[in-house]
ModelCIF file with pLDDT and N, C-alpha, C, O atoms, coordinates in Angstrom:
data_MODEL
#
_entry.id   MODEL 
#
_entity.id                         1 
_entity.type                       polymer 
_entity.pdbx_number_of_molecules   1 
#
_entity_poly.entity_id                      1 
_entity_poly.type                           'polypeptide(L)' 
_entity_poly.nstd_linkage                   no 
_entity_poly.nstd_monomer                   no 
_entity_poly.pdbx_seq_one_letter_code       AHLTGWTLVSLTEDEQAEVTGAYDNGDEYDTLADVYAERDGERRLIGD 
_entity_poly.pdbx_seq_one_letter_code_can   AHLTGWTLVSLTEDEQAEVTGAYDNGDEYDTLADVYAERDGERRLIGD 
_entity_poly.pdbx_strand_id                 A 
#
loop_
_entity_poly_seq.entity_id 
_entity_poly_seq.num 
_entity_poly_seq.mon_id 
_entity_poly_seq.hetero 
1 1  ALA n 
1 2  HIS n 
1 3  LEU n 
1 4  THR n 
1 5  GLY n 
1 6  TRP n 
1 7  THR n 
1 8  LEU n 
1 9  VAL n 
1 10 SER n 
1 11 LEU n 
1 12 THR n 
1 13 GLU n 
1 14 ASP n 
1 15 GLU n 
1 16 GLN n 
1 17 ALA n 
1 18 GLU n 
1 19 VAL n 
1 20 THR n 
1 21 GLY n 
1 22 ALA n 
1 23 TYR n 
1 24 ASP n 
1 25 ASN n 
1 26 GLY n 
1 27 ASP n 
1 28 GLU n 
1 29 TYR n 
1 30 ASP n 
1 31 THR n 
1 32 LEU n 
1 33 ALA n 
1 34 ASP n 
1 35 VAL n 
1 36 TYR n 
1 37 ALA n 
1 38 GLU n 
1 39 ARG n 
1 40 ASP n 
1 41 GLY n 
1 42 GLU n 
1 43 ARG n 
1 44 ARG n 
1 45 LEU n 
1 46 ILE n 
1 47 GLY n 
1 48 ASP n 
#
_struct_asym.id          A 
_struct_asym.entity_id   1 
#
loop_
_ma_qa_metric.id 
_ma_qa_metric.mode 
_ma_qa_metric.name 
_ma_qa_metric.software_group_id 
_ma_qa_metric.type 
1 global pLDDT . pLDDT 
2 local  pLDDT . pLDDT 
#
_ma_qa_metric_global.metric_id      1 
_ma_qa_metric_global.metric_value   93.81 
_ma_qa_metric_global.model_id       1 
_ma_qa_metric_global.ordinal_id     1 
#
loop_
_ma_qa_metric_local.label_asym_id 
_ma_qa_metric_local.label_comp_id 
_ma_qa_metric_local.label_seq_id 
_ma_qa_metric_local.metric_id 
_ma_qa_metric_local.metric_value 
_ma_qa_metric_local.model_id 
_ma_qa_metric_local.ordinal_id 
A ALA 1  2 97.00 1 1  
A HIS 2  2 96.00 1 2  
A LEU 3  2 95.00 1 3  
A THR 4  2 95.00 1 4  
A GLY 5  2 94.00 1 5  
A TRP 6  2 96.00 1 6  
A THR 7  2 96.00 1 7  
A LEU 8  2 96.00 1 8  
A VAL 9  2 96.00 1 9  
A SER 10 2 94.00 1 10 
A LEU 11 2 92.00 1 11 
A THR 12 2 83.00 1 12 
A GLU 13 2 75.00 1 13 
A ASP 14 2 86.00 1 14 
A GLU 15 2 92.00 1 15 
A GLN 16 2 93.00 1 16 
A ALA 17 2 94.00 1 17 
A GLU 18 2 96.00 1 18 
A VAL 19 2 97.00 1 19 
A THR 20 2 97.00 1 20 
A GLY 21 2 96.00 1 21 
A ALA 22 2 93.00 1 22 
A TYR 23 2 90.00 1 23 
A ASP 24 2 83.00 1 24 
A ASN 25 2 86.00 1 25 
A GLY 26 2 85.00 1 26 
A ASP 27 2 93.00 1 27 
A GLU 28 2 95.00 1 28 
A TYR 29 2 97.00 1 29 
A ASP 30 2 97.00 1 30 
A THR 31 2 97.00 1 31 
A LEU 32 2 96.00 1 32 
A ALA 33 2 95.00 1 33 
A ASP 34 2 94.00 1 34 
A VAL 35 2 96.00 1 35 
A TYR 36 2 97.00 1 36 
A ALA 37 2 97.00 1 37 
A GLU 38 2 97.00 1 38 
A ARG 39 2 95.00 1 39 
A ASP 40 2 94.00 1 40 
A GLY 41 2 93.00 1 41 
A GLU 42 2 96.00 1 42 
A ARG 43 2 97.00 1 43 
A ARG 44 2 98.00 1 44 
A LEU 45 2 97.00 1 45 
A ILE 46 2 97.00 1 46 
A GLY 47 2 96.00 1 47 
A ASP 48 2 96.00 1 48 
#
loop_
_atom_site.group_PDB 
_atom_site.id 
_atom_site.type_symbol 
_atom_site.label_atom_id 
_atom_site.label_alt_id 
_atom_site.label_comp_id 
_atom_site.label_asym_id 
_atom_site.label_entity_id 
_atom_site.label_seq_id 
_atom_site.pdbx_PDB_ins_code 
_atom_site.Cartn_x 
_atom_site.Cartn_y 
_atom_site.Cartn_z 
_atom_site.occupancy 
_atom_site.B_iso_or_equiv 
_atom_site.pdbx_formal_charge 
_atom_site.auth_seq_id 
_atom_site.auth_comp_id 
_atom_site.auth_asym_id 
_atom_site.auth_atom_id 
_atom_site.pdbx_PDB_model_num 
ATOM 1   N N  . ALA A 1 1  ? 18.392 3.454  -70.658 1.00 97.00 ? 1  ALA A N  1 
ATOM 2   C CA . ALA A 1 1  ? 17.781 3.353  -69.860 1.00 97.00 ? 1  ALA A CA 1 
ATOM 3   C C  . ALA A 1 1  ? 15.889 2.650  -70.290 1.00 97.00 ? 1  ALA A C  1 
ATOM 4   O O  . ALA A 1 1  ? 15.212 1.730  -69.830 1.00 97.00 ? 1  ALA A O  1 
ATOM 5   N N  . HIS A 1 2  ? 15.690 3.607  -71.285 1.00 96.00 ? 2  HIS A N  1 
ATOM 6   C CA . HIS A 1 2  ? 14.304 2.954  -72.078 1.00 96.00 ? 2  HIS A CA 1 
ATOM 7   C C  . HIS A 1 2  ? 14.276 1.944  -72.950 1.00 96.00 ? 2  HIS A C  1 
ATOM 8   O O  . HIS A 1 2  ? 13.219 1.347  -73.155 1.00 96.00 ? 2  HIS A O  1 
ATOM 9   N N  . LEU A 1 3  ? 15.559 1.568  -73.659 1.00 95.00 ? 3  LEU A N  1 
ATOM 10  C CA . LEU A 1 3  ? 15.850 0.398  -74.327 1.00 95.00 ? 3  LEU A CA 1 
ATOM 11  C C  . LEU A 1 3  ? 15.687 -0.746 -73.324 1.00 95.00 ? 3  LEU A C  1 
ATOM 12  O O  . LEU A 1 3  ? 14.846 -1.617 -73.546 1.00 95.00 ? 3  LEU A O  1 
ATOM 13  N N  . THR A 1 4  ? 16.360 -0.777 -72.366 1.00 95.00 ? 4  THR A N  1 
ATOM 14  C CA . THR A 1 4  ? 16.654 -1.783 -71.400 1.00 95.00 ? 4  THR A CA 1 
ATOM 15  C C  . THR A 1 4  ? 15.542 -2.160 -70.529 1.00 95.00 ? 4  THR A C  1 
ATOM 16  O O  . THR A 1 4  ? 15.707 -3.055 -69.700 1.00 95.00 ? 4  THR A O  1 
ATOM 17  N N  . GLY A 1 5  ? 14.577 -1.636 -70.632 1.00 94.00 ? 5  GLY A N  1 
ATOM 18  C CA . GLY A 1 5  ? 13.384 -1.892 -70.034 1.00 94.00 ? 5  GLY A CA 1 
ATOM 19  C C  . GLY A 1 5  ? 12.840 -1.506 -69.076 1.00 94.00 ? 5  GLY A C  1 
ATOM 20  O O  . GLY A 1 5  ? 11.809 -1.996 -68.614 1.00 94.00 ? 5  GLY A O  1 
ATOM 21  N N  . TRP A 1 6  ? 13.489 -0.510 -68.602 1.00 96.00 ? 6  TRP A N  1 
ATOM 22  C CA . TRP A 1 6  ? 13.254 0.745  -67.329 1.00 96.00 ? 6  TRP A CA 1 
ATOM 23  C C  . TRP A 1 6  ? 11.987 1.631  -68.041 1.00 96.00 ? 6  TRP A C  1 
ATOM 24  O O  . TRP A 1 6  ? 11.772 1.936  -69.214 1.00 96.00 ? 6  TRP A O  1 
ATOM 25  N N  . THR A 1 7  ? 11.263 1.894  -66.797 1.00 96.00 ? 7  THR A N  1 
ATOM 26  C CA . THR A 1 7  ? 9.947  3.063  -67.382 1.00 96.00 ? 7  THR A CA 1 
ATOM 27  C C  . THR A 1 7  ? 10.728 4.370  -67.379 1.00 96.00 ? 7  THR A C  1 
ATOM 28  O O  . THR A 1 7  ? 11.721 4.137  -66.691 1.00 96.00 ? 7  THR A O  1 
ATOM 29  N N  . LEU A 1 8  ? 10.769 5.493  -67.760 1.00 96.00 ? 8  LEU A N  1 
ATOM 30  C CA . LEU A 1 8  ? 11.461 6.468  -67.430 1.00 96.00 ? 8  LEU A CA 1 
ATOM 31  C C  . LEU A 1 8  ? 10.299 7.367  -66.965 1.00 96.00 ? 8  LEU A C  1 
ATOM 32  O O  . LEU A 1 8  ? 9.272  7.524  -67.625 1.00 96.00 ? 8  LEU A O  1 
ATOM 33  N N  . VAL A 1 9  ? 10.596 8.062  -65.531 1.00 96.00 ? 9  VAL A N  1 
ATOM 34  C CA . VAL A 1 9  ? 9.881  8.987  -65.086 1.00 96.00 ? 9  VAL A CA 1 
ATOM 35  C C  . VAL A 1 9  ? 10.162 10.466 -65.259 1.00 96.00 ? 9  VAL A C  1 
ATOM 36  O O  . VAL A 1 9  ? 11.349 10.776 -65.156 1.00 96.00 ? 9  VAL A O  1 
ATOM 37  N N  . SER A 1 10 ? 9.310  11.419 -65.498 1.00 94.00 ? 10 SER A N  1 
ATOM 38  C CA . SER A 1 10 ? 9.312  12.683 -65.627 1.00 94.00 ? 10 SER A CA 1 
ATOM 39  C C  . SER A 1 10 ? 8.497  13.587 -64.590 1.00 94.00 ? 10 SER A C  1 
ATOM 40  O O  . SER A 1 10 ? 7.546  14.185 -65.094 1.00 94.00 ? 10 SER A O  1 
ATOM 41  N N  . LEU A 1 11 ? 8.680  13.755 -63.427 1.00 92.00 ? 11 LEU A N  1 
ATOM 42  C CA . LEU A 1 11 ? 7.704  14.832 -62.527 1.00 92.00 ? 11 LEU A CA 1 
ATOM 43  C C  . LEU A 1 11 ? 8.002  15.975 -62.765 1.00 92.00 ? 11 LEU A C  1 
ATOM 44  O O  . LEU A 1 11 ? 8.983  16.405 -63.372 1.00 92.00 ? 11 LEU A O  1 
ATOM 45  N N  . THR A 1 12 ? 7.065  16.572 -62.239 1.00 83.00 ? 12 THR A N  1 
ATOM 46  C CA . THR A 1 12 ? 6.833  18.215 -62.260 1.00 83.00 ? 12 THR A CA 1 
ATOM 47  C C  . THR A 1 12 ? 8.009  18.828 -61.646 1.00 83.00 ? 12 THR A C  1 
ATOM 48  O O  . THR A 1 12 ? 8.605  18.053 -60.898 1.00 83.00 ? 12 THR A O  1 
ATOM 49  N N  . GLU A 1 13 ? 8.586  20.167 -61.760 1.00 75.00 ? 13 GLU A N  1 
ATOM 50  C CA . GLU A 1 13 ? 9.586  20.644 -61.312 1.00 75.00 ? 13 GLU A CA 1 
ATOM 51  C C  . GLU A 1 13 ? 9.452  20.630 -59.704 1.00 75.00 ? 13 GLU A C  1 
ATOM 52  O O  . GLU A 1 13 ? 10.489 20.660 -59.041 1.00 75.00 ? 13 GLU A O  1 
ATOM 53  N N  . ASP A 1 14 ? 8.345  20.591 -59.141 1.00 86.00 ? 14 ASP A N  1 
ATOM 54  C CA . ASP A 1 14 ? 8.149  21.255 -57.634 1.00 86.00 ? 14 ASP A CA 1 
ATOM 55  C C  . ASP A 1 14 ? 8.075  19.793 -56.933 1.00 86.00 ? 14 ASP A C  1 
ATOM 56  O O  . ASP A 1 14 ? 7.993  19.712 -55.707 1.00 86.00 ? 14 ASP A O  1 
ATOM 57  N N  . GLU A 1 15 ? 8.111  18.486 -57.872 1.00 92.00 ? 15 GLU A N  1 
ATOM 58  C CA . GLU A 1 15 ? 7.978  16.994 -57.289 1.00 92.00 ? 15 GLU A CA 1 
ATOM 59  C C  . GLU A 1 15 ? 9.037  16.446 -57.312 1.00 92.00 ? 15 GLU A C  1 
ATOM 60  O O  . GLU A 1 15 ? 9.765  16.784 -58.246 1.00 92.00 ? 15 GLU A O  1 
ATOM 61  N N  . GLN A 1 16 ? 9.591  15.376 -56.318 1.00 93.00 ? 16 GLN A N  1 
ATOM 62  C CA . GLN A 1 16 ? 10.686 14.680 -56.631 1.00 93.00 ? 16 GLN A CA 1 
ATOM 63  C C  . GLN A 1 16 ? 10.418 13.363 -55.816 1.00 93.00 ? 16 GLN A C  1 
ATOM 64  O O  . GLN A 1 16 ? 9.562  13.370 -54.932 1.00 93.00 ? 16 GLN A O  1 
ATOM 65  N N  . ALA A 1 17 ? 11.067 12.350 -56.075 1.00 94.00 ? 17 ALA A N  1 
ATOM 66  C CA . ALA A 1 17 ? 10.969 11.160 -55.594 1.00 94.00 ? 17 ALA A CA 1 
ATOM 67  C C  . ALA A 1 17 ? 12.456 10.559 -55.064 1.00 94.00 ? 17 ALA A C  1 
ATOM 68  O O  . ALA A 1 17 ? 13.566 10.889 -55.483 1.00 94.00 ? 17 ALA A O  1 
ATOM 69  N N  . GLU A 1 18 ? 12.190 9.746  -54.195 1.00 96.00 ? 18 GLU A N  1 
ATOM 70  C CA . GLU A 1 18 ? 13.733 9.118  -53.600 1.00 96.00 ? 18 GLU A CA 1 
ATOM 71  C C  . GLU A 1 18 ? 14.328 8.148  -54.269 1.00 96.00 ? 18 GLU A C  1 
ATOM 72  O O  . GLU A 1 18 ? 13.736 7.070  -54.320 1.00 96.00 ? 18 GLU A O  1 
ATOM 73  N N  . VAL A 1 19 ? 15.186 8.239  -54.711 1.00 97.00 ? 19 VAL A N  1 
ATOM 74  C CA . VAL A 1 19 ? 15.764 7.420  -55.793 1.00 97.00 ? 19 VAL A CA 1 
ATOM 75  C C  . VAL A 1 19 ? 17.250 6.489  -55.249 1.00 97.00 ? 19 VAL A C  1 
ATOM 76  O O  . VAL A 1 19 ? 17.871 6.941  -54.287 1.00 97.00 ? 19 VAL A O  1 
ATOM 77  N N  . THR A 1 20 ? 17.534 5.733  -55.649 1.00 97.00 ? 20 THR A N  1 
ATOM 78  C CA . THR A 1 20 ? 19.107 5.175  -55.623 1.00 97.00 ? 20 THR A CA 1 
ATOM 79  C C  . THR A 1 20 ? 20.299 5.690  -56.470 1.00 97.00 ? 20 THR A C  1 
ATOM 80  O O  . THR A 1 20 ? 20.078 6.024  -57.634 1.00 97.00 ? 20 THR A O  1 
ATOM 81  N N  . GLY A 1 21 ? 21.502 5.772  -55.974 1.00 96.00 ? 21 GLY A N  1 
ATOM 82  C CA . GLY A 1 21 ? 22.059 6.310  -57.012 1.00 96.00 ? 21 GLY A CA 1 
ATOM 83  C C  . GLY A 1 21 ? 23.368 5.473  -56.522 1.00 96.00 ? 21 GLY A C  1 
ATOM 84  O O  . GLY A 1 21 ? 23.287 4.842  -55.469 1.00 96.00 ? 21 GLY A O  1 
ATOM 85  N N  . ALA A 1 22 ? 24.600 5.464  -57.296 1.00 93.00 ? 22 ALA A N  1 
ATOM 86  C CA . ALA A 1 22 ? 25.890 4.657  -56.782 1.00 93.00 ? 22 ALA A CA 1 
ATOM 87  C C  . ALA A 1 22 ? 26.992 5.326  -57.343 1.00 93.00 ? 22 ALA A C  1 
ATOM 88  O O  . ALA A 1 22 ? 27.049 5.989  -58.379 1.00 93.00 ? 22 ALA A O  1 
ATOM 89  N N  . TYR A 1 23 ? 28.071 4.994  -56.314 1.00 90.00 ? 23 TYR A N  1 
ATOM 90  C CA . TYR A 1 23 ? 29.406 5.578  -56.527 1.00 90.00 ? 23 TYR A CA 1 
ATOM 91  C C  . TYR A 1 23 ? 30.078 4.425  -57.475 1.00 90.00 ? 23 TYR A C  1 
ATOM 92  O O  . TYR A 1 23 ? 29.704 3.264  -57.641 1.00 90.00 ? 23 TYR A O  1 
ATOM 93  N N  . ASP A 1 24 ? 31.055 5.036  -57.972 1.00 83.00 ? 24 ASP A N  1 
ATOM 94  C CA . ASP A 1 24 ? 32.049 4.054  -58.997 1.00 83.00 ? 24 ASP A CA 1 
ATOM 95  C C  . ASP A 1 24 ? 32.285 3.017  -57.872 1.00 83.00 ? 24 ASP A C  1 
ATOM 96  O O  . ASP A 1 24 ? 32.083 1.887  -58.317 1.00 83.00 ? 24 ASP A O  1 
ATOM 97  N N  . ASN A 1 25 ? 32.654 3.013  -56.529 1.00 86.00 ? 25 ASN A N  1 
ATOM 98  C CA . ASN A 1 25 ? 32.697 1.738  -56.071 1.00 86.00 ? 25 ASN A CA 1 
ATOM 99  C C  . ASN A 1 25 ? 31.880 0.576  -55.837 1.00 86.00 ? 25 ASN A C  1 
ATOM 100 O O  . ASN A 1 25 ? 32.310 -0.502 -55.427 1.00 86.00 ? 25 ASN A O  1 
ATOM 101 N N  . GLY A 1 26 ? 30.444 0.894  -56.171 1.00 85.00 ? 26 GLY A N  1 
ATOM 102 C CA . GLY A 1 26 ? 29.516 -0.010 -56.096 1.00 85.00 ? 26 GLY A CA 1 
ATOM 103 C C  . GLY A 1 26 ? 28.743 0.662  -54.939 1.00 85.00 ? 26 GLY A C  1 
ATOM 104 O O  . GLY A 1 26 ? 27.602 0.203  -55.011 1.00 85.00 ? 26 GLY A O  1 
ATOM 105 N N  . ASP A 1 27 ? 28.822 1.562  -53.870 1.00 93.00 ? 27 ASP A N  1 
ATOM 106 C CA . ASP A 1 27 ? 28.454 1.700  -53.189 1.00 93.00 ? 27 ASP A CA 1 
ATOM 107 C C  . ASP A 1 27 ? 27.246 2.608  -53.603 1.00 93.00 ? 27 ASP A C  1 
ATOM 108 O O  . ASP A 1 27 ? 27.344 3.304  -54.614 1.00 93.00 ? 27 ASP A O  1 
ATOM 109 N N  . GLU A 1 28 ? 25.922 2.616  -52.718 1.00 95.00 ? 28 GLU A N  1 
ATOM 110 C CA . GLU A 1 28 ? 24.523 3.017  -52.897 1.00 95.00 ? 28 GLU A CA 1 
ATOM 111 C C  . GLU A 1 28 ? 24.317 4.288  -51.975 1.00 95.00 ? 28 GLU A C  1 
ATOM 112 O O  . GLU A 1 28 ? 24.927 4.403  -50.912 1.00 95.00 ? 28 GLU A O  1 
ATOM 113 N N  . TYR A 1 29 ? 23.431 5.225  -52.437 1.00 97.00 ? 29 TYR A N  1 
ATOM 114 C CA . TYR A 1 29 ? 23.244 6.168  -51.769 1.00 97.00 ? 29 TYR A CA 1 
ATOM 115 C C  . TYR A 1 29 ? 21.737 6.786  -52.174 1.00 97.00 ? 29 TYR A C  1 
ATOM 116 O O  . TYR A 1 29 ? 21.411 6.841  -53.359 1.00 97.00 ? 29 TYR A O  1 
ATOM 117 N N  . ASP A 1 30 ? 20.793 7.274  -51.052 1.00 97.00 ? 30 ASP A N  1 
ATOM 118 C CA . ASP A 1 30 ? 19.540 7.545  -51.895 1.00 97.00 ? 30 ASP A CA 1 
ATOM 119 C C  . ASP A 1 30 ? 19.868 8.969  -51.728 1.00 97.00 ? 30 ASP A C  1 
ATOM 120 O O  . ASP A 1 30 ? 20.735 9.519  -51.049 1.00 97.00 ? 30 ASP A O  1 
ATOM 121 N N  . THR A 1 31 ? 18.745 9.544  -52.703 1.00 97.00 ? 31 THR A N  1 
ATOM 122 C CA . THR A 1 31 ? 18.939 11.262 -53.106 1.00 97.00 ? 31 THR A CA 1 
ATOM 123 C C  . THR A 1 31 ? 17.195 11.249 -53.677 1.00 97.00 ? 31 THR A C  1 
ATOM 124 O O  . THR A 1 31 ? 16.381 10.361 -53.929 1.00 97.00 ? 31 THR A O  1 
ATOM 125 N N  . LEU A 1 32 ? 17.190 12.489 -53.698 1.00 96.00 ? 32 LEU A N  1 
ATOM 126 C CA . LEU A 1 32 ? 15.633 12.733 -54.535 1.00 96.00 ? 32 LEU A CA 1 
ATOM 127 C C  . LEU A 1 32 ? 16.238 13.385 -55.900 1.00 96.00 ? 32 LEU A C  1 
ATOM 128 O O  . LEU A 1 32 ? 17.326 13.937 -56.063 1.00 96.00 ? 32 LEU A O  1 
ATOM 129 N N  . ALA A 1 33 ? 15.119 13.130 -56.887 1.00 95.00 ? 33 ALA A N  1 
ATOM 130 C CA . ALA A 1 33 ? 15.252 13.490 -58.256 1.00 95.00 ? 33 ALA A CA 1 
ATOM 131 C C  . ALA A 1 33 ? 13.886 13.817 -58.695 1.00 95.00 ? 33 ALA A C  1 
ATOM 132 O O  . ALA A 1 33 ? 12.898 13.513 -58.026 1.00 95.00 ? 33 ALA A O  1 
ATOM 133 N N  . ASP A 1 34 ? 13.816 14.600 -60.118 1.00 94.00 ? 34 ASP A N  1 
ATOM 134 C CA . ASP A 1 34 ? 12.462 14.802 -60.592 1.00 94.00 ? 34 ASP A CA 1 
ATOM 135 C C  . ASP A 1 34 ? 12.368 13.893 -61.751 1.00 94.00 ? 34 ASP A C  1 
ATOM 136 O O  . ASP A 1 34 ? 11.252 13.733 -62.247 1.00 94.00 ? 34 ASP A O  1 
ATOM 137 N N  . VAL A 1 35 ? 13.582 13.153 -62.351 1.00 96.00 ? 35 VAL A N  1 
ATOM 138 C CA . VAL A 1 35 ? 13.594 12.779 -63.501 1.00 96.00 ? 35 VAL A CA 1 
ATOM 139 C C  . VAL A 1 35 ? 14.410 11.128 -63.185 1.00 96.00 ? 35 VAL A C  1 
ATOM 140 O O  . VAL A 1 35 ? 15.518 11.203 -62.654 1.00 96.00 ? 35 VAL A O  1 
ATOM 141 N N  . TYR A 1 36 ? 14.010 10.087 -63.420 1.00 97.00 ? 36 TYR A N  1 
ATOM 142 C CA . TYR A 1 36 ? 14.401 8.960  -63.431 1.00 97.00 ? 36 TYR A CA 1 
ATOM 143 C C  . TYR A 1 36 ? 14.161 7.780  -63.908 1.00 97.00 ? 36 TYR A C  1 
ATOM 144 O O  . TYR A 1 36 ? 13.288 7.792  -64.776 1.00 97.00 ? 36 TYR A O  1 
ATOM 145 N N  . ALA A 1 37 ? 14.701 6.541  -63.619 1.00 97.00 ? 37 ALA A N  1 
ATOM 146 C CA . ALA A 1 37 ? 14.248 5.023  -64.312 1.00 97.00 ? 37 ALA A CA 1 
ATOM 147 C C  . ALA A 1 37 ? 13.614 4.078  -63.101 1.00 97.00 ? 37 ALA A C  1 
ATOM 148 O O  . ALA A 1 37 ? 14.211 3.841  -62.051 1.00 97.00 ? 37 ALA A O  1 
ATOM 149 N N  . GLU A 1 38 ? 12.428 3.633  -63.409 1.00 97.00 ? 38 GLU A N  1 
ATOM 150 C CA . GLU A 1 38 ? 12.228 2.704  -62.580 1.00 97.00 ? 38 GLU A CA 1 
ATOM 151 C C  . GLU A 1 38 ? 11.517 1.455  -63.204 1.00 97.00 ? 38 GLU A C  1 
ATOM 152 O O  . GLU A 1 38 ? 10.786 1.379  -64.192 1.00 97.00 ? 38 GLU A O  1 
ATOM 153 N N  . ARG A 1 39 ? 12.031 0.334  -62.174 1.00 95.00 ? 39 ARG A N  1 
ATOM 154 C CA . ARG A 1 39 ? 11.863 -0.940 -62.826 1.00 95.00 ? 39 ARG A CA 1 
ATOM 155 C C  . ARG A 1 39 ? 11.338 -2.196 -61.590 1.00 95.00 ? 39 ARG A C  1 
ATOM 156 O O  . ARG A 1 39 ? 12.157 -2.390 -60.692 1.00 95.00 ? 39 ARG A O  1 
ATOM 157 N N  . ASP A 1 40 ? 10.437 -2.762 -61.555 1.00 94.00 ? 40 ASP A N  1 
ATOM 158 C CA . ASP A 1 40 ? 9.936  -3.515 -60.491 1.00 94.00 ? 40 ASP A CA 1 
ATOM 159 C C  . ASP A 1 40 ? 9.933  -2.933 -59.072 1.00 94.00 ? 40 ASP A C  1 
ATOM 160 O O  . ASP A 1 40 ? 10.239 -3.557 -58.056 1.00 94.00 ? 40 ASP A O  1 
ATOM 161 N N  . GLY A 1 41 ? 9.553  -1.679 -59.139 1.00 93.00 ? 41 GLY A N  1 
ATOM 162 C CA . GLY A 1 41 ? 9.476  -0.890 -57.839 1.00 93.00 ? 41 GLY A CA 1 
ATOM 163 C C  . GLY A 1 41 ? 10.974 -0.221 -57.273 1.00 93.00 ? 41 GLY A C  1 
ATOM 164 O O  . GLY A 1 41 ? 11.126 0.221  -56.135 1.00 93.00 ? 41 GLY A O  1 
ATOM 165 N N  . GLU A 1 42 ? 11.927 -0.253 -58.231 1.00 96.00 ? 42 GLU A N  1 
ATOM 166 C CA . GLU A 1 42 ? 13.173 -0.069 -58.016 1.00 96.00 ? 42 GLU A CA 1 
ATOM 167 C C  . GLU A 1 42 ? 13.275 1.632  -58.799 1.00 96.00 ? 42 GLU A C  1 
ATOM 168 O O  . GLU A 1 42 ? 12.829 1.780  -59.937 1.00 96.00 ? 42 GLU A O  1 
ATOM 169 N N  . ARG A 1 43 ? 13.830 2.678  -58.124 1.00 97.00 ? 43 ARG A N  1 
ATOM 170 C CA . ARG A 1 43 ? 14.066 3.947  -58.840 1.00 97.00 ? 43 ARG A CA 1 
ATOM 171 C C  . ARG A 1 43 ? 15.690 4.081  -58.670 1.00 97.00 ? 43 ARG A C  1 
ATOM 172 O O  . ARG A 1 43 ? 16.376 3.922  -57.660 1.00 97.00 ? 43 ARG A O  1 
ATOM 173 N N  . ARG A 1 44 ? 16.035 4.398  -59.886 1.00 98.00 ? 44 ARG A N  1 
ATOM 174 C CA . ARG A 1 44 ? 17.113 4.591  -60.119 1.00 98.00 ? 44 ARG A CA 1 
ATOM 175 C C  . ARG A 1 44 ? 17.533 5.715  -60.857 1.00 98.00 ? 44 ARG A C  1 
ATOM 176 O O  . ARG A 1 44 ? 16.762 6.041  -61.759 1.00 98.00 ? 44 ARG A O  1 
ATOM 177 N N  . LEU A 1 45 ? 18.932 6.648  -60.660 1.00 97.00 ? 45 LEU A N  1 
ATOM 178 C CA . LEU A 1 45 ? 19.087 7.331  -61.593 1.00 97.00 ? 45 LEU A CA 1 
ATOM 179 C C  . LEU A 1 45 ? 19.417 7.055  -62.958 1.00 97.00 ? 45 LEU A C  1 
ATOM 180 O O  . LEU A 1 45 ? 20.055 6.013  -63.108 1.00 97.00 ? 45 LEU A O  1 
ATOM 181 N N  . ILE A 1 46 ? 19.123 7.788  -64.119 1.00 97.00 ? 46 ILE A N  1 
ATOM 182 C CA . ILE A 1 46 ? 18.793 7.301  -65.390 1.00 97.00 ? 46 ILE A CA 1 
ATOM 183 C C  . ILE A 1 46 ? 20.516 7.185  -65.830 1.00 97.00 ? 46 ILE A C  1 
ATOM 184 O O  . ILE A 1 46 ? 20.871 6.155  -66.404 1.00 97.00 ? 46 ILE A O  1 
ATOM 185 N N  . GLY A 1 47 ? 21.489 8.209  -65.555 1.00 96.00 ? 47 GLY A N  1 
ATOM 186 C CA . GLY A 1 47 ? 22.784 7.700  -65.805 1.00 96.00 ? 47 GLY A CA 1 
ATOM 187 C C  . GLY A 1 47 ? 23.291 6.427  -65.327 1.00 96.00 ? 47 GLY A C  1 
ATOM 188 O O  . GLY A 1 47 ? 23.790 5.605  -66.096 1.00 96.00 ? 47 GLY A O  1 
ATOM 189 N N  . ASP A 1 48 ? 23.153 6.201  -63.797 1.00 96.00 ? 48 ASP A N  1 
ATOM 190 C CA . ASP A 1 48 ? 23.716 4.976  -63.340 1.00 96.00 ? 48 ASP A CA 1 
ATOM 191 C C  . ASP A 1 48 ? 23.186 3.781  -64.151 1.00 96.00 ? 48 ASP A C  1 
ATOM 192 O O  . ASP A 1 48 ? 23.568 2.640  -63.892 1.00 96.00 ? 48 ASP A O  1 
#
């Protein structure tokens, strides 16, 4: 994620942000995470 232009964000354990995750079929869902990737205002799970 870092090398493909995403900013990595690591919040403190008691902080979380709403991010987007994806299922294998391409459907997306919203979840909370304290570690995620962000680019152009978009927040995504690092693994995705």
